[in-house]
């Protein structure tokens, strides 16, 4: 098992549980993590509607710049998607 799950694995946990109803012990087996990790990711998603750890959780390692960059990119993509959906909704509403 690795120390940290990738962002993709975290989203896969959420999808397997919420979209497909796979039980946590089976998700842990498929992903290769503990059941506690599955529950932690699901709780994080429930609390924040995201799978990226909250700011101030843990500490960034000096040699872990790629993971930090991935998190920044994922946050920016999520924010841009929300802005796009918001803009699209209100643009559509103003036309009708």
PDB file of N, CA and C in Angstrom:
ATOM      1  N   UNK A   1       0.836  -1.188   0.000  1.00  0.00           N
ATOM      2  CA  UNK A   1       0.000   0.000   0.000  1.00  0.00           C
ATOM      3  C   UNK A   1       0.876   1.245   0.000  1.00  0.00           C
ATOM      4  N   UNK A   2       0.458   2.252  -0.746  1.00  0.00           N
ATOM      5  CA  UNK A   2       1.212   3.498  -0.761  1.00  0.00           C
ATOM      6  C   UNK A   2       0.737   4.403   0.367  1.00  0.00           C
ATOM      7  N   UNK A   3       1.527   5.426   0.642  1.00  0.00           N
ATOM      8  CA  UNK A   3       1.181   6.349   1.720  1.00  0.00           C
ATOM      9  C   UNK A   3      -0.054   7.172   1.382  1.00  0.00           C
ATOM     10  N   UNK A   4      -0.188   7.575   0.121  1.00  0.00           N
ATOM     11  CA  UNK A   4      -1.295   8.427  -0.285  1.00  0.00           C
ATOM     12  C   UNK A   4      -1.943   7.871  -1.540  1.00  0.00           C
ATOM     13  N   UNK A   5      -3.252   7.983  -1.604  1.00  0.00           N
ATOM     14  CA  UNK A   5      -3.969   7.587  -2.808  1.00  0.00           C
ATOM     15  C   UNK A   5      -3.939   8.726  -3.808  1.00  0.00           C
ATOM     16  N   UNK A   6      -3.934   8.384  -5.076  1.00  0.00           N
ATOM     17  CA  UNK A   6      -3.998   9.422  -6.099  1.00  0.00           C
ATOM     18  C   UNK A   6      -5.398  10.046  -6.084  1.00  0.00           C
ATOM     19  N   UNK A   7      -5.513  11.203  -6.688  1.00  0.00           N
ATOM     20  CA  UNK A   7      -6.814  11.866  -6.795  1.00  0.00           C
ATOM     21  C   UNK A   7      -7.780  10.957  -7.552  1.00  0.00           C
ATOM     22  N   UNK A   8      -7.287  10.286  -8.589  1.00  0.00           N
ATOM     23  CA  UNK A   8      -8.128   9.374  -9.363  1.00  0.00           C
ATOM     24  C   UNK A   8      -8.662   8.229  -8.525  1.00  0.00           C
ATOM     25  N   UNK A   9      -7.805   7.636  -7.671  1.00  0.00           N
ATOM     26  CA  UNK A   9      -8.259   6.553  -6.795  1.00  0.00           C
ATOM     27  C   UNK A   9      -9.296   7.052  -5.787  1.00  0.00           C
ATOM     28  N   UNK A  10      -9.123   8.264  -5.321  1.00  0.00           N
ATOM     29  CA  UNK A  10     -10.088   8.824  -4.370  1.00  0.00           C
ATOM     30  C   UNK A  10     -11.459   8.989  -5.030  1.00  0.00           C
ATOM     31  N   UNK A  11     -11.465   9.523  -6.269  1.00  0.00           N
ATOM     32  CA  UNK A  11     -12.740   9.668  -6.980  1.00  0.00           C
ATOM     33  C   UNK A  11     -13.337   8.302  -7.302  1.00  0.00           C
ATOM     34  N   UNK A  12     -12.473   7.334  -7.566  1.00  0.00           N
ATOM     35  CA  UNK A  12     -12.957   5.981  -7.847  1.00  0.00           C
ATOM     36  C   UNK A  12     -13.654   5.397  -6.619  1.00  0.00           C
ATOM     37  N   UNK A  13     -13.124   5.642  -5.424  1.00  0.00           N
ATOM     38  CA  UNK A  13     -13.759   5.187  -4.186  1.00  0.00           C
ATOM     39  C   UNK A  13     -15.162   5.765  -4.081  1.00  0.00           C
ATOM     40  N   UNK A  14     -15.284   7.070  -4.317  1.00  0.00           N
ATOM     41  CA  UNK A  14     -16.594   7.726  -4.227  1.00  0.00           C
ATOM     42  C   UNK A  14     -17.548   7.137  -5.254  1.00  0.00           C
ATOM     43  N   UNK A  15     -17.078   6.950  -6.470  1.00  0.00           N
ATOM     44  CA  UNK A  15     -17.930   6.409  -7.523  1.00  0.00           C
ATOM     45  C   UNK A  15     -18.366   4.980  -7.228  1.00  0.00           C
ATOM     46  N   UNK A  16     -17.417   4.154  -6.804  1.00  0.00           N
ATOM     47  CA  UNK A  16     -17.767   2.766  -6.508  1.00  0.00           C
ATOM     48  C   UNK A  16     -18.824   2.679  -5.420  1.00  0.00           C
ATOM     49  N   UNK A  17     -18.713   3.540  -4.412  1.00  0.00           N
ATOM     50  CA  UNK A  17     -19.667   3.486  -3.292  1.00  0.00           C
ATOM     51  C   UNK A  17     -20.999   4.134  -3.651  1.00  0.00           C
ATOM     52  N   UNK A  18     -20.967   5.362  -4.140  1.00  0.00           N
ATOM     53  CA  UNK A  18     -22.199   6.116  -4.335  1.00  0.00           C
ATOM     54  C   UNK A  18     -22.920   5.772  -5.639  1.00  0.00           C
ATOM     55  N   UNK A  19     -22.179   5.553  -6.703  1.00  0.00           N
ATOM     56  CA  UNK A  19     -22.810   5.267  -7.989  1.00  0.00           C
ATOM     57  C   UNK A  19     -23.135   3.791  -8.171  1.00  0.00           C
ATOM     58  N   UNK A  20     -22.259   2.924  -7.649  1.00  0.00           N
ATOM     59  CA  UNK A  20     -22.419   1.501  -7.907  1.00  0.00           C
ATOM     60  C   UNK A  20     -22.794   0.686  -6.679  1.00  0.00           C
ATOM     61  N   UNK A  21     -22.771   1.314  -5.501  1.00  0.00           N
ATOM     62  CA  UNK A  21     -23.199   0.636  -4.272  1.00  0.00           C
ATOM     63  C   UNK A  21     -22.261  -0.467  -3.797  1.00  0.00           C
ATOM     64  N   UNK A  22     -20.991  -0.402  -4.183  1.00  0.00           N
ATOM     65  CA  UNK A  22     -20.028  -1.422  -3.773  1.00  0.00           C
ATOM     66  C   UNK A  22     -19.731  -1.238  -2.279  1.00  0.00           C
ATOM     67  N   UNK A  23     -19.742  -2.311  -1.496  1.00  0.00           N
ATOM     68  CA  UNK A  23     -19.463  -2.178  -0.059  1.00  0.00           C
ATOM     69  C   UNK A  23     -18.015  -1.764   0.211  1.00  0.00           C
ATOM     70  N   UNK A  24     -17.794  -1.048   1.315  1.00  0.00           N
ATOM     71  CA  UNK A  24     -16.453  -0.517   1.625  1.00  0.00           C
ATOM     72  C   UNK A  24     -15.355  -1.576   1.663  1.00  0.00           C
ATOM     73  N   UNK A  25     -15.633  -2.758   2.192  1.00  0.00           N
ATOM     74  CA  UNK A  25     -14.572  -3.774   2.264  1.00  0.00           C
ATOM     75  C   UNK A  25     -14.149  -4.222   0.865  1.00  0.00           C
ATOM     76  N   UNK A  26     -15.080  -4.260  -0.068  1.00  0.00           N
ATOM     77  CA  UNK A  26     -14.764  -4.642  -1.450  1.00  0.00           C
ATOM     78  C   UNK A  26     -13.984  -3.521  -2.146  1.00  0.00           C
ATOM     79  N   UNK A  27     -14.376  -2.257  -1.885  1.00  0.00           N
ATOM     80  CA  UNK A  27     -13.656  -1.113  -2.458  1.00  0.00           C
ATOM     81  C   UNK A  27     -12.200  -1.139  -1.987  1.00  0.00           C
ATOM     82  N   UNK A  28     -11.999  -1.386  -0.687  1.00  0.00           N
ATOM     83  CA  UNK A  28     -10.643  -1.435  -0.138  1.00  0.00           C
ATOM     84  C   UNK A  28      -9.817  -2.500  -0.844  1.00  0.00           C
ATOM     85  N   UNK A  29     -10.434  -3.627  -1.118  1.00  0.00           N
ATOM     86  CA  UNK A  29      -9.735  -4.714  -1.809  1.00  0.00           C
ATOM     87  C   UNK A  29      -9.382  -4.326  -3.244  1.00  0.00           C
ATOM     88  N   UNK A  30     -10.312  -3.689  -3.945  1.00  0.00           N
ATOM     89  CA  UNK A  30     -10.092  -3.301  -5.343  1.00  0.00           C
ATOM     90  C   UNK A  30      -9.028  -2.208  -5.452  1.00  0.00           C
ATOM     91  N   UNK A  31      -9.100  -1.212  -4.593  1.00  0.00           N
ATOM     92  CA  UNK A  31      -8.184  -0.067  -4.652  1.00  0.00           C
ATOM     93  C   UNK A  31      -6.817  -0.424  -4.067  1.00  0.00           C
ATOM     94  N   UNK A  32      -6.809  -1.330  -3.088  1.00  0.00           N
ATOM     95  CA  UNK A  32      -5.549  -1.685  -2.438  1.00  0.00           C
ATOM     96  C   UNK A  32      -5.239  -0.803  -1.252  1.00  0.00           C
ATOM     97  N   UNK A  33      -6.270  -0.510  -0.474  1.00  0.00           N
ATOM     98  CA  UNK A  33      -6.095   0.313   0.720  1.00  0.00           C
ATOM     99  C   UNK A  33      -6.905  -0.315   1.852  1.00  0.00           C
ATOM    100  N   UNK A  34      -6.870   0.290   3.016  1.00  0.00           N
ATOM    101  CA  UNK A  34      -7.620  -0.235   4.153  1.00  0.00           C
ATOM    102  C   UNK A  34      -9.067   0.256   4.109  1.00  0.00           C
ATOM    103  N   UNK A  35      -9.939  -0.442   4.847  1.00  0.00           N
ATOM    104  CA  UNK A  35     -11.335   0.003   4.953  1.00  0.00           C
ATOM    105  C   UNK A  35     -11.401   1.373   5.615  1.00  0.00           C
ATOM    106  N   UNK A  36     -10.502   1.609   6.568  1.00  0.00           N
ATOM    107  CA  UNK A  36     -10.485   2.916   7.241  1.00  0.00           C
ATOM    108  C   UNK A  36     -10.207   4.029   6.232  1.00  0.00           C
ATOM    109  N   UNK A  37      -9.312   3.774   5.284  1.00  0.00           N
ATOM    110  CA  UNK A  37      -9.025   4.769   4.256  1.00  0.00           C
ATOM    111  C   UNK A  37     -10.264   5.026   3.411  1.00  0.00           C
ATOM    112  N   UNK A  38     -10.977   3.967   3.047  1.00  0.00           N
ATOM    113  CA  UNK A  38     -12.205   4.130   2.268  1.00  0.00           C
ATOM    114  C   UNK A  38     -13.192   5.003   3.039  1.00  0.00           C
ATOM    115  N   UNK A  39     -13.394   4.705   4.314  1.00  0.00           N
ATOM    116  CA  UNK A  39     -14.320   5.499   5.120  1.00  0.00           C
ATOM    117  C   UNK A  39     -13.850   6.945   5.257  1.00  0.00           C
ATOM    118  N   UNK A  40     -12.539   7.152   5.393  1.00  0.00           N
ATOM    119  CA  UNK A  40     -12.011   8.515   5.500  1.00  0.00           C
ATOM    120  C   UNK A  40     -12.256   9.314   4.222  1.00  0.00           C
ATOM    121  N   UNK A  41     -12.046   8.695   3.068  1.00  0.00           N
ATOM    122  CA  UNK A  41     -12.282   9.382   1.796  1.00  0.00           C
ATOM    123  C   UNK A  41     -13.766   9.692   1.630  1.00  0.00           C
ATOM    124  N   UNK A  42     -14.631   8.747   1.974  1.00  0.00           N
ATOM    125  CA  UNK A  42     -16.071   8.984   1.858  1.00  0.00           C
ATOM    126  C   UNK A  42     -16.527  10.096   2.811  1.00  0.00           C
ATOM    127  N   UNK A  43     -15.948  10.123   4.008  1.00  0.00           N
ATOM    128  CA  UNK A  43     -16.291  11.189   4.963  1.00  0.00           C
ATOM    129  C   UNK A  43     -15.808  12.543   4.445  1.00  0.00           C
ATOM    130  N   UNK A  44     -14.589  12.562   3.895  1.00  0.00           N
ATOM    131  CA  UNK A  44     -14.050  13.793   3.326  1.00  0.00           C
ATOM    132  C   UNK A  44     -14.956  14.292   2.205  1.00  0.00           C
ATOM    133  N   UNK A  45     -15.389  13.390   1.329  1.00  0.00           N
ATOM    134  CA  UNK A  45     -16.284  13.780   0.239  1.00  0.00           C
ATOM    135  C   UNK A  45     -17.616  14.286   0.782  1.00  0.00           C
ATOM    136  N   UNK A  46     -18.151  13.617   1.784  1.00  0.00           N
ATOM    137  CA  UNK A  46     -19.421  14.042   2.380  1.00  0.00           C
ATOM    138  C   UNK A  46     -19.306  15.431   2.994  1.00  0.00           C
ATOM    139  N   UNK A  47     -18.190  15.685   3.670  1.00  0.00           N
ATOM    140  CA  UNK A  47     -18.006  16.969   4.359  1.00  0.00           C
ATOM    141  C   UNK A  47     -17.683  18.123   3.408  1.00  0.00           C
ATOM    142  N   UNK A  48     -16.927  17.850   2.341  1.00  0.00           N
ATOM    143  CA  UNK A  48     -16.411  18.934   1.502  1.00  0.00           C
ATOM    144  C   UNK A  48     -16.880  18.888   0.056  1.00  0.00           C
ATOM    145  N   UNK A  49     -17.560  17.800  -0.319  1.00  0.00           N
ATOM    146  CA  UNK A  49     -17.968  17.578  -1.712  1.00  0.00           C
ATOM    147  C   UNK A  49     -16.752  17.525  -2.633  1.00  0.00           C
ATOM    148  N   UNK A  50     -15.633  17.084  -2.081  1.00  0.00           N
ATOM    149  CA  UNK A  50     -14.395  16.951  -2.838  1.00  0.00           C
ATOM    150  C   UNK A  50     -13.574  15.839  -2.201  1.00  0.00           C
ATOM    151  N   UNK A  51     -12.574  15.345  -2.897  1.00  0.00           N
ATOM    152  CA  UNK A  51     -11.730  14.278  -2.358  1.00  0.00           C
ATOM    153  C   UNK A  51     -10.318  14.755  -2.057  1.00  0.00           C
ATOM    154  N   UNK A  52     -10.084  16.037  -2.235  1.00  0.00           N
ATOM    155  CA  UNK A  52      -8.775  16.616  -1.938  1.00  0.00           C
ATOM    156  C   UNK A  52      -8.757  16.989  -0.467  1.00  0.00           C
ATOM    157  N   UNK A  53      -7.665  16.629   0.200  1.00  0.00           N
ATOM    158  CA  UNK A  53      -7.577  16.909   1.629  1.00  0.00           C
ATOM    159  C   UNK A  53      -7.733  18.398   1.906  1.00  0.00           C
ATOM    160  N   UNK A  54      -8.373  18.666   3.016  1.00  0.00           N
ATOM    161  CA  UNK A  54      -8.569  20.059   3.421  1.00  0.00           C
ATOM    162  C   UNK A  54      -7.232  20.716   3.702  1.00  0.00           C
ATOM    163  N   UNK A  55      -7.177  22.019   3.487  1.00  0.00           N
ATOM    164  CA  UNK A  55      -5.941  22.746   3.772  1.00  0.00           C
ATOM    165  C   UNK A  55      -5.625  22.626   5.254  1.00  0.00           C
ATOM    166  N   UNK A  56      -4.336  22.551   5.537  1.00  0.00           N
ATOM    167  CA  UNK A  56      -3.916  22.461   6.929  1.00  0.00           C
ATOM    168  C   UNK A  56      -3.878  21.031   7.445  1.00  0.00           C
ATOM    169  N   UNK A  57      -4.173  20.052   6.582  1.00  0.00           N
ATOM    170  CA  UNK A  57      -4.137  18.655   6.991  1.00  0.00           C
ATOM    171  C   UNK A  57      -2.753  18.098   6.673  1.00  0.00           C
ATOM    172  N   UNK A  58      -2.034  17.666   7.663  1.00  0.00           N
ATOM    173  CA  UNK A  58      -0.708  17.113   7.434  1.00  0.00           C
ATOM    174  C   UNK A  58       0.283  18.196   7.047  1.00  0.00           C
ATOM    175  N   UNK A  59       1.416  17.779   6.554  1.00  0.00           N
ATOM    176  CA  UNK A  59       2.379  18.756   6.077  1.00  0.00           C
ATOM    177  C   UNK A  59       2.928  18.293   4.738  1.00  0.00           C
ATOM    178  N   UNK A  60       3.209  19.232   3.888  1.00  0.00           N
ATOM    179  CA  UNK A  60       3.746  18.918   2.573  1.00  0.00           C
ATOM    180  C   UNK A  60       5.214  18.530   2.718  1.00  0.00           C
ATOM    181  N   UNK A  61       5.599  17.472   2.052  1.00  0.00           N
ATOM    182  CA  UNK A  61       6.991  17.055   2.072  1.00  0.00           C
ATOM    183  C   UNK A  61       7.764  17.864   1.040  1.00  0.00           C
ATOM    184  N   UNK A  62       9.012  18.137   1.327  1.00  0.00           N
ATOM    185  CA  UNK A  62       9.815  18.957   0.429  1.00  0.00           C
ATOM    186  C   UNK A  62       9.995  18.306  -0.940  1.00  0.00           C
ATOM    187  N   UNK A  63      10.044  16.985  -0.995  1.00  0.00           N
ATOM    188  CA  UNK A  63      10.267  16.299  -2.262  1.00  0.00           C
ATOM    189  C   UNK A  63       8.959  15.826  -2.892  1.00  0.00           C
ATOM    190  N   UNK A  64       7.857  16.376  -2.494  1.00  0.00           N
ATOM    191  CA  UNK A  64       6.560  15.910  -2.978  1.00  0.00           C
ATOM    192  C   UNK A  64       5.860  16.993  -3.787  1.00  0.00           C
ATOM    193  N   UNK A  65       6.605  17.703  -4.625  1.00  0.00           N
ATOM    194  CA  UNK A  65       6.051  18.818  -5.381  1.00  0.00           C
ATOM    195  C   UNK A  65       5.023  18.368  -6.400  1.00  0.00           C
ATOM    196  N   UNK A  66       5.173  17.182  -6.981  1.00  0.00           N
ATOM    197  CA  UNK A  66       4.219  16.708  -7.980  1.00  0.00           C
ATOM    198  C   UNK A  66       2.829  16.518  -7.390  1.00  0.00           C
ATOM    199  N   UNK A  67       2.749  15.936  -6.191  1.00  0.00           N
ATOM    200  CA  UNK A  67       1.451  15.731  -5.557  1.00  0.00           C
ATOM    201  C   UNK A  67       0.792  17.070  -5.259  1.00  0.00           C
ATOM    202  N   UNK A  68       1.566  18.019  -4.795  1.00  0.00           N
ATOM    203  CA  UNK A  68       1.027  19.336  -4.498  1.00  0.00           C
ATOM    204  C   UNK A  68       0.548  20.004  -5.780  1.00  0.00           C
ATOM    205  N   UNK A  69       1.325  19.888  -6.850  1.00  0.00           N
ATOM    206  CA  UNK A  69       0.913  20.453  -8.136  1.00  0.00           C
ATOM    207  C   UNK A  69      -0.371  19.802  -8.623  1.00  0.00           C
ATOM    208  N   UNK A  70      -0.496  18.477  -8.471  1.00  0.00           N
ATOM    209  CA  UNK A  70      -1.718  17.780  -8.871  1.00  0.00           C
ATOM    210  C   UNK A  70      -2.927  18.298  -8.099  1.00  0.00           C
ATOM    211  N   UNK A  71      -2.749  18.536  -6.806  1.00  0.00           N
ATOM    212  CA  UNK A  71      -3.853  19.045  -5.996  1.00  0.00           C
ATOM    213  C   UNK A  71      -4.253  20.452  -6.431  1.00  0.00           C
ATOM    214  N   UNK A  72      -3.285  21.289  -6.730  1.00  0.00           N
ATOM    215  CA  UNK A  72      -3.579  22.649  -7.185  1.00  0.00           C
ATOM    216  C   UNK A  72      -4.322  22.612  -8.514  1.00  0.00           C
ATOM    217  N   UNK A  73      -3.862  21.781  -9.428  1.00  0.00           N
ATOM    218  CA  UNK A  73      -4.527  21.655 -10.731  1.00  0.00           C
ATOM    219  C   UNK A  73      -5.939  21.130 -10.557  1.00  0.00           C
ATOM    220  N   UNK A  74      -6.125  20.122  -9.709  1.00  0.00           N
ATOM    221  CA  UNK A  74      -7.462  19.566  -9.482  1.00  0.00           C
ATOM    222  C   UNK A  74      -8.398  20.618  -8.894  1.00  0.00           C
ATOM    223  N   UNK A  75      -7.903  21.414  -7.955  1.00  0.00           N
ATOM    224  CA  UNK A  75      -8.739  22.479  -7.371  1.00  0.00           C
ATOM    225  C   UNK A  75      -9.128  23.506  -8.425  1.00  0.00           C
ATOM    226  N   UNK A  76      -8.157  23.898  -9.256  1.00  0.00           N
ATOM    227  CA  UNK A  76      -8.442  24.886 -10.296  1.00  0.00           C
ATOM    228  C   UNK A  76      -9.468  24.346 -11.284  1.00  0.00           C
ATOM    229  N   UNK A  77      -9.340  23.076 -11.654  1.00  0.00           N
ATOM    230  CA  UNK A  77     -10.291  22.475 -12.585  1.00  0.00           C
ATOM    231  C   UNK A  77     -11.691  22.432 -11.973  1.00  0.00           C
ATOM    232  N   UNK A  78     -11.783  22.076 -10.694  1.00  0.00           N
ATOM    233  CA  UNK A  78     -13.083  22.018 -10.023  1.00  0.00           C
ATOM    234  C   UNK A  78     -13.712  23.408  -9.956  1.00  0.00           C
ATOM    235  N   UNK A  79     -12.917  24.413  -9.640  1.00  0.00           N
ATOM    236  CA  UNK A  79     -13.439  25.777  -9.571  1.00  0.00           C
ATOM    237  C   UNK A  79     -13.884  26.263 -10.942  1.00  0.00           C
ATOM    238  N   UNK A  80     -13.097  25.967 -11.977  1.00  0.00           N
ATOM    239  CA  UNK A  80     -13.480  26.374 -13.326  1.00  0.00           C
ATOM    240  C   UNK A  80     -14.742  25.672 -13.780  1.00  0.00           C
ATOM    241  N   UNK A  81     -14.900  24.402 -13.435  1.00  0.00           N
ATOM    242  CA  UNK A  81     -16.105  23.670 -13.799  1.00  0.00           C
ATOM    243  C   UNK A  81     -17.320  24.299 -13.130  1.00  0.00           C
ATOM    244  N   UNK A  82     -17.198  24.637 -11.855  1.00  0.00           N
ATOM    245  CA  UNK A  82     -18.319  25.249 -11.142  1.00  0.00           C
ATOM    246  C   UNK A  82     -18.661  26.604 -11.762  1.00  0.00           C
ATOM    247  N   UNK A  83     -17.663  27.392 -12.110  1.00  0.00           N
ATOM    248  CA  UNK A  83     -17.906  28.689 -12.748  1.00  0.00           C
ATOM    249  C   UNK A  83     -18.585  28.498 -14.095  1.00  0.00           C
ATOM    250  N   UNK A  84     -18.126  27.518 -14.865  1.00  0.00           N
ATOM    251  CA  UNK A  84     -18.719  27.241 -16.174  1.00  0.00           C
ATOM    252  C   UNK A  84     -20.184  26.830 -16.019  1.00  0.00           C
ATOM    253  N   UNK A  85     -20.466  25.928 -15.080  1.00  0.00           N
ATOM    254  CA  UNK A  85     -21.850  25.474 -14.874  1.00  0.00           C
ATOM    255  C   UNK A  85     -22.736  26.630 -14.414  1.00  0.00           C
ATOM    256  N   UNK A  86     -22.220  27.453 -13.514  1.00  0.00           N
ATOM    257  CA  UNK A  86     -22.976  28.594 -13.016  1.00  0.00           C
ATOM    258  C   UNK A  86     -23.276  29.560 -14.160  1.00  0.00           C
ATOM    259  N   UNK A  87     -22.248  29.883 -14.947  1.00  0.00           N
ATOM    260  CA  UNK A  87     -22.404  30.799 -16.076  1.00  0.00           C
ATOM    261  C   UNK A  87     -23.371  30.221 -17.104  1.00  0.00           C
ATOM    262  N   UNK A  88     -23.229  28.930 -17.418  1.00  0.00           N
ATOM    263  CA  UNK A  88     -24.096  28.286 -18.396  1.00  0.00           C
ATOM    264  C   UNK A  88     -25.542  28.317 -17.960  1.00  0.00           C
ATOM    265  N   UNK A  89     -25.792  28.036 -16.686  1.00  0.00           N
ATOM    266  CA  UNK A  89     -27.145  28.010 -16.166  1.00  0.00           C
ATOM    267  C   UNK A  89     -27.802  29.389 -16.301  1.00  0.00           C
ATOM    268  N   UNK A  90     -27.098  30.426 -15.846  1.00  0.00           N
ATOM    269  CA  UNK A  90     -27.692  31.738 -15.880  1.00  0.00           C
ATOM    270  C   UNK A  90     -27.759  32.315 -17.296  1.00  0.00           C
ATOM    271  N   UNK A  91     -26.834  31.934 -18.160  1.00  0.00           N
ATOM    272  CA  UNK A  91     -26.921  32.352 -19.561  1.00  0.00           C
ATOM    273  C   UNK A  91     -28.125  31.719 -20.220  1.00  0.00           C
ATOM    274  N   UNK A  92     -28.369  30.458 -19.936  1.00  0.00           N
ATOM    275  CA  UNK A  92     -29.514  29.742 -20.503  1.00  0.00           C
ATOM    276  C   UNK A  92     -30.824  30.348 -19.981  1.00  0.00           C
ATOM    277  N   UNK A  93     -30.855  30.620 -18.682  1.00  0.00           N
ATOM    278  CA  UNK A  93     -32.064  31.191 -18.068  1.00  0.00           C
ATOM    279  C   UNK A  93     -32.389  32.568 -18.640  1.00  0.00           C
ATOM    280  N   UNK A  94     -31.378  33.359 -18.952  1.00  0.00           N
ATOM    281  CA  UNK A  94     -31.635  34.714 -19.465  1.00  0.00           C
ATOM    282  C   UNK A  94     -32.173  34.676 -20.903  1.00  0.00           C
ATOM    283  N   UNK A  95     -31.890  33.573 -21.623  1.00  0.00           N
ATOM    284  CA  UNK A  95     -32.379  33.448 -22.982  1.00  0.00           C
ATOM    285  C   UNK A  95     -33.834  32.987 -23.038  1.00  0.00           C
ATOM    286  N   UNK A  96     -34.324  32.382 -21.992  1.00  0.00           N
ATOM    287  CA  UNK A  96     -35.690  31.831 -22.002  1.00  0.00           C
ATOM    288  C   UNK A  96     -36.593  32.515 -21.016  1.00  0.00           C
TER     289      UNK A  96
END
